[in-house]
C-alpha atoms as a PDB file:
ATOM      1  CA  GLN A   1     -19.978  71.240 -85.287  1.00  0.00           C
ATOM      2  CA  VAL A   2     -22.367  70.139 -82.314  1.00  0.00           C
ATOM      3  CA  GLN A   3     -24.361  67.163 -83.036  1.00  0.00           C
ATOM      4  CA  LEU A   4     -27.290  66.030 -80.838  1.00  0.00           C
ATOM      5  CA  VAL A   5     -28.909  62.553 -81.132  1.00  0.00           C
ATOM      6  CA  GLU A   6     -32.139  61.609 -79.352  1.00  0.00           C
ATOM      7  CA  SER A   7     -33.100  58.265 -78.268  1.00  0.00           C
ATOM      8  CA  GLY A   8     -35.639  56.692 -75.923  1.00  0.00           C
ATOM      9  CA  GLY A   9     -38.986  57.507 -77.523  1.00  0.00           C
ATOM     10  CA  GLY A  10     -41.744  54.780 -78.167  1.00  0.00           C
ATOM     11  CA  LEU A  11     -45.307  53.777 -77.420  1.00  0.00           C
ATOM     12  CA  VAL A  12     -46.435  53.631 -73.765  1.00  0.00           C
ATOM     13  CA  GLN A  13     -49.777  53.494 -72.043  1.00  0.00           C
ATOM     14  CA  ALA A  14     -51.217  56.532 -70.003  1.00  0.00           C
ATOM     15  CA  GLY A  15     -49.705  56.483 -66.462  1.00  0.00           C
ATOM     16  CA  GLY A  16     -46.428  54.830 -67.899  1.00  0.00           C
ATOM     17  CA  SER A  17     -43.024  56.280 -68.090  1.00  0.00           C
ATOM     18  CA  LEU A  18     -40.176  56.890 -70.732  1.00  0.00           C
ATOM     19  CA  ARG A  19     -36.715  58.290 -70.481  1.00  0.00           C
ATOM     20  CA  LEU A  20     -35.414  60.066 -73.311  1.00  0.00           C
ATOM     21  CA  SER A  21     -31.727  60.689 -73.857  1.00  0.00           C
ATOM     22  CA  CYS A  22     -29.942  63.321 -75.846  1.00  0.00           C
ATOM     23  CA  ALA A  23     -26.250  62.332 -76.604  1.00  0.00           C
ATOM     24  CA  ALA A  24     -24.100  65.329 -77.635  1.00  0.00           C
ATOM     25  CA  SER A  25     -20.840  65.485 -79.614  1.00  0.00           C
ATOM     26  CA  GLY A  26     -18.479  68.056 -81.095  1.00  0.00           C
ATOM     27  CA  ARG A  27     -18.428  70.281 -77.961  1.00  0.00           C
ATOM     28  CA  THR A  28     -17.566  70.180 -74.338  1.00  0.00           C
ATOM     29  CA  PHE A  29     -20.436  71.945 -72.670  1.00  0.00           C
ATOM     30  CA  THR A  30     -19.727  74.431 -69.914  1.00  0.00           C
ATOM     31  CA  ASN A  31     -22.100  77.354 -69.518  1.00  0.00           C
ATOM     32  CA  ASP A  32     -24.414  76.176 -72.323  1.00  0.00           C
ATOM     33  CA  ARG A  33     -28.118  75.464 -71.781  1.00  0.00           C
ATOM     34  CA  MET A  34     -29.992  72.413 -73.158  1.00  0.00           C
ATOM     35  CA  GLY A  35     -33.527  72.069 -73.600  1.00  0.00           C
ATOM     36  CA  TRP A  36     -36.300  69.721 -74.740  1.00  0.00           C
ATOM     37  CA  PHE A  37     -39.066  70.831 -76.930  1.00  0.00           C
ATOM     38  CA  ARG A  38     -42.120  68.940 -78.387  1.00  0.00           C
ATOM     39  CA  GLU A  39     -44.390  69.140 -81.276  1.00  0.00           C
ATOM     40  CA  ALA A  40     -47.776  67.459 -81.445  1.00  0.00           C
ATOM     41  CA  PRO A  41     -49.619  66.996 -84.798  1.00  0.00           C
ATOM     42  CA  GLY A  42     -51.390  70.203 -85.725  1.00  0.00           C
ATOM     43  CA  LYS A  43     -49.787  72.064 -82.932  1.00  0.00           C
ATOM     44  CA  GLU A  44     -47.041  74.534 -82.544  1.00  0.00           C
ATOM     45  CA  GLN A  45     -43.711  73.297 -81.114  1.00  0.00           C
ATOM     46  CA  GLU A  46     -43.787  73.909 -77.425  1.00  0.00           C
ATOM     47  CA  PHE A  47     -40.943  74.235 -74.698  1.00  0.00           C
ATOM     48  CA  VAL A  48     -40.774  71.335 -72.166  1.00  0.00           C
ATOM     49  CA  ALA A  49     -37.830  71.720 -69.896  1.00  0.00           C
ATOM     50  CA  ALA A  50     -34.175  73.069 -69.892  1.00  0.00           C
ATOM     51  CA  ILE A  51     -31.085  72.593 -67.767  1.00  0.00           C
ATOM     52  CA  ARG A  52     -27.872  74.714 -67.468  1.00  0.00           C
ATOM     53  CA  TRP A  53     -24.973  72.442 -67.972  1.00  0.00           C
ATOM     54  CA  ASN A  54     -22.632  73.855 -65.365  1.00  0.00           C
ATOM     55  CA  SER A  55     -25.042  74.573 -62.527  1.00  0.00           C
ATOM     56  CA  GLY A  56     -27.589  72.017 -63.266  1.00  0.00           C
ATOM     57  CA  SER A  57     -30.166  74.478 -62.475  1.00  0.00           C
ATOM     58  CA  THR A  58     -33.687  73.482 -64.379  1.00  0.00           C
ATOM     59  CA  TYR A  59     -36.757  74.992 -65.722  1.00  0.00           C
ATOM     60  CA  TYR A  60     -40.026  73.542 -66.564  1.00  0.00           C
ATOM     61  CA  THR A  61     -43.204  74.344 -68.425  1.00  0.00           C
ATOM     62  CA  ASN A  62     -46.180  74.100 -66.132  1.00  0.00           C
ATOM     63  CA  SER A  63     -47.598  70.943 -67.777  1.00  0.00           C
ATOM     64  CA  ALA A  64     -44.271  69.048 -67.090  1.00  0.00           C
ATOM     65  CA  LYS A  65     -43.843  70.128 -63.404  1.00  0.00           C
ATOM     66  CA  GLY A  66     -43.915  67.368 -61.076  1.00  0.00           C
ATOM     67  CA  ARG A  67     -44.061  64.618 -63.755  1.00  0.00           C
ATOM     68  CA  PHE A  68     -40.922  65.112 -65.911  1.00  0.00           C
ATOM     69  CA  THR A  69     -37.322  65.547 -64.632  1.00  0.00           C
ATOM     70  CA  ILE A  70     -34.538  66.984 -66.754  1.00  0.00           C
ATOM     71  CA  SER A  71     -30.943  65.902 -65.924  1.00  0.00           C
ATOM     72  CA  ARG A  72     -27.306  65.732 -67.402  1.00  0.00           C
ATOM     73  CA  ASP A  73     -24.460  63.508 -67.180  1.00  0.00           C
ATOM     74  CA  ASN A  74     -21.251  65.440 -67.650  1.00  0.00           C
ATOM     75  CA  ALA A  75     -19.065  62.490 -68.232  1.00  0.00           C
ATOM     76  CA  LYS A  76     -21.311  61.023 -70.867  1.00  0.00           C
ATOM     77  CA  ASN A  77     -22.194  64.556 -72.470  1.00  0.00           C
ATOM     78  CA  THR A  78     -25.777  63.526 -72.315  1.00  0.00           C
ATOM     79  CA  MET A  79     -29.001  65.047 -71.282  1.00  0.00           C
ATOM     80  CA  TYR A  80     -32.132  63.090 -70.135  1.00  0.00           C
ATOM     81  CA  LEU A  81     -35.822  63.749 -69.844  1.00  0.00           C
ATOM     82  CA  GLN A  82     -37.461  61.180 -67.281  1.00  0.00           C
ATOM     83  CA  MET A  83     -41.117  61.390 -68.043  1.00  0.00           C
ATOM     84  CA  ASP A  84     -43.584  59.909 -65.709  1.00  0.00           C
ATOM     85  CA  SER A  85     -47.404  59.885 -65.391  1.00  0.00           C
ATOM     86  CA  LEU A  86     -47.523  60.269 -69.170  1.00  0.00           C
ATOM     87  CA  LYS A  87     -50.935  61.386 -70.540  1.00  0.00           C
ATOM     88  CA  PRO A  88     -52.220  61.064 -74.052  1.00  0.00           C
ATOM     89  CA  GLU A  89     -51.609  64.749 -74.493  1.00  0.00           C
ATOM     90  CA  ASP A  90     -48.033  64.309 -74.169  1.00  0.00           C
ATOM     91  CA  THR A  91     -48.002  62.539 -77.409  1.00  0.00           C
ATOM     92  CA  ALA A  92     -45.543  64.358 -79.710  1.00  0.00           C
ATOM     93  CA  VAL A  93     -42.049  64.463 -81.280  1.00  0.00           C
ATOM     94  CA  TYR A  94     -39.719  65.387 -78.815  1.00  0.00           C
ATOM     95  CA  SER A  95     -36.340  67.179 -79.807  1.00  0.00           C
ATOM     96  CA  CYS A  96     -33.358  68.441 -77.762  1.00  0.00           C
ATOM     97  CA  ALA A  97     -31.587  71.589 -78.414  1.00  0.00           C
ATOM     98  CA  ALA A  98     -28.511  73.413 -77.271  1.00  0.00           C
ATOM     99  CA  ASP A  99     -28.180  77.054 -76.555  1.00  0.00           C
ATOM    100  CA  LEU A 100     -24.388  78.069 -76.651  1.00  0.00           C
ATOM    101  CA  LEU A 101     -24.919  81.609 -75.370  1.00  0.00           C
ATOM    102  CA  PRO A 102     -28.017  81.551 -72.958  1.00  0.00           C
ATOM    103  CA  VAL A 103     -29.573  84.679 -72.014  1.00  0.00           C
ATOM    104  CA  GLY A 104     -32.921  85.128 -70.305  1.00  0.00           C
ATOM    105  CA  THR A 105     -35.548  82.518 -70.050  1.00  0.00           C
ATOM    106  CA  PRO A 106     -35.079  79.189 -71.924  1.00  0.00           C
ATOM    107  CA  THR A 107     -38.471  78.705 -73.550  1.00  0.00           C
ATOM    108  CA  GLN A 108     -37.673  80.505 -76.915  1.00  0.00           C
ATOM    109  CA  SER A 109     -36.824  77.737 -79.683  1.00  0.00           C
ATOM    110  CA  SER A 110     -35.203  80.516 -81.735  1.00  0.00           C
ATOM    111  CA  ASP A 111     -32.473  80.862 -78.992  1.00  0.00           C
ATOM    112  CA  TYR A 112     -31.226  77.651 -79.533  1.00  0.00           C
ATOM    113  CA  ASP A 113     -28.360  76.952 -81.837  1.00  0.00           C
ATOM    114  CA  TYR A 114     -28.319  73.188 -82.474  1.00  0.00           C
ATOM    115  CA  TRP A 115     -31.248  70.688 -82.673  1.00  0.00           C
ATOM    116  CA  GLY A 116     -31.403  66.833 -82.792  1.00  0.00           C
ATOM    117  CA  GLN A 117     -33.530  64.924 -85.141  1.00  0.00           C
ATOM    118  CA  GLY A 118     -36.525  64.179 -82.710  1.00  0.00           C
ATOM    119  CA  THR A 119     -37.921  61.094 -81.150  1.00  0.00           C
ATOM    120  CA  GLN A 120     -41.613  60.105 -81.296  1.00  0.00           C
ATOM    121  CA  VAL A 121     -43.451  59.657 -78.221  1.00  0.00           C
ATOM    122  CA  THR A 122     -46.916  58.143 -78.209  1.00  0.00           C
ATOM    123  CA  VAL A 123     -49.127  57.677 -75.149  1.00  0.00           C
ATOM    124  CA  SER A 124     -52.245  55.634 -75.625  1.00  0.00           C
ATOM    125  CA  SER A 125     -55.242  55.963 -73.532  1.00  0.00           C
END
């Protein structure tokens, strides 16, 4: 059973930075894809970024490009999301997810098999 645990959320002023972590257990990731999604109050969940575990190739939504960086540490079985130049509209619950049989683009939440519990990110203006 795969378990994902996020950490690193919090309150930050606009223009600040946060680094989210997603610690995985129960599986040695190889060809899997892992991603970050977020859900703001009153809005649908949206894709933020994804990474292929073995190759390290990354994929970002347009709003994240140039501000967010997704990475992984194989030895620690942990994925990260470095978020810089944060804006109030980035406020949301951020969740990490694992897709054990990645096919096609990584933006569909229904493709992911395991999810963490989420961590709150609040950006004040």
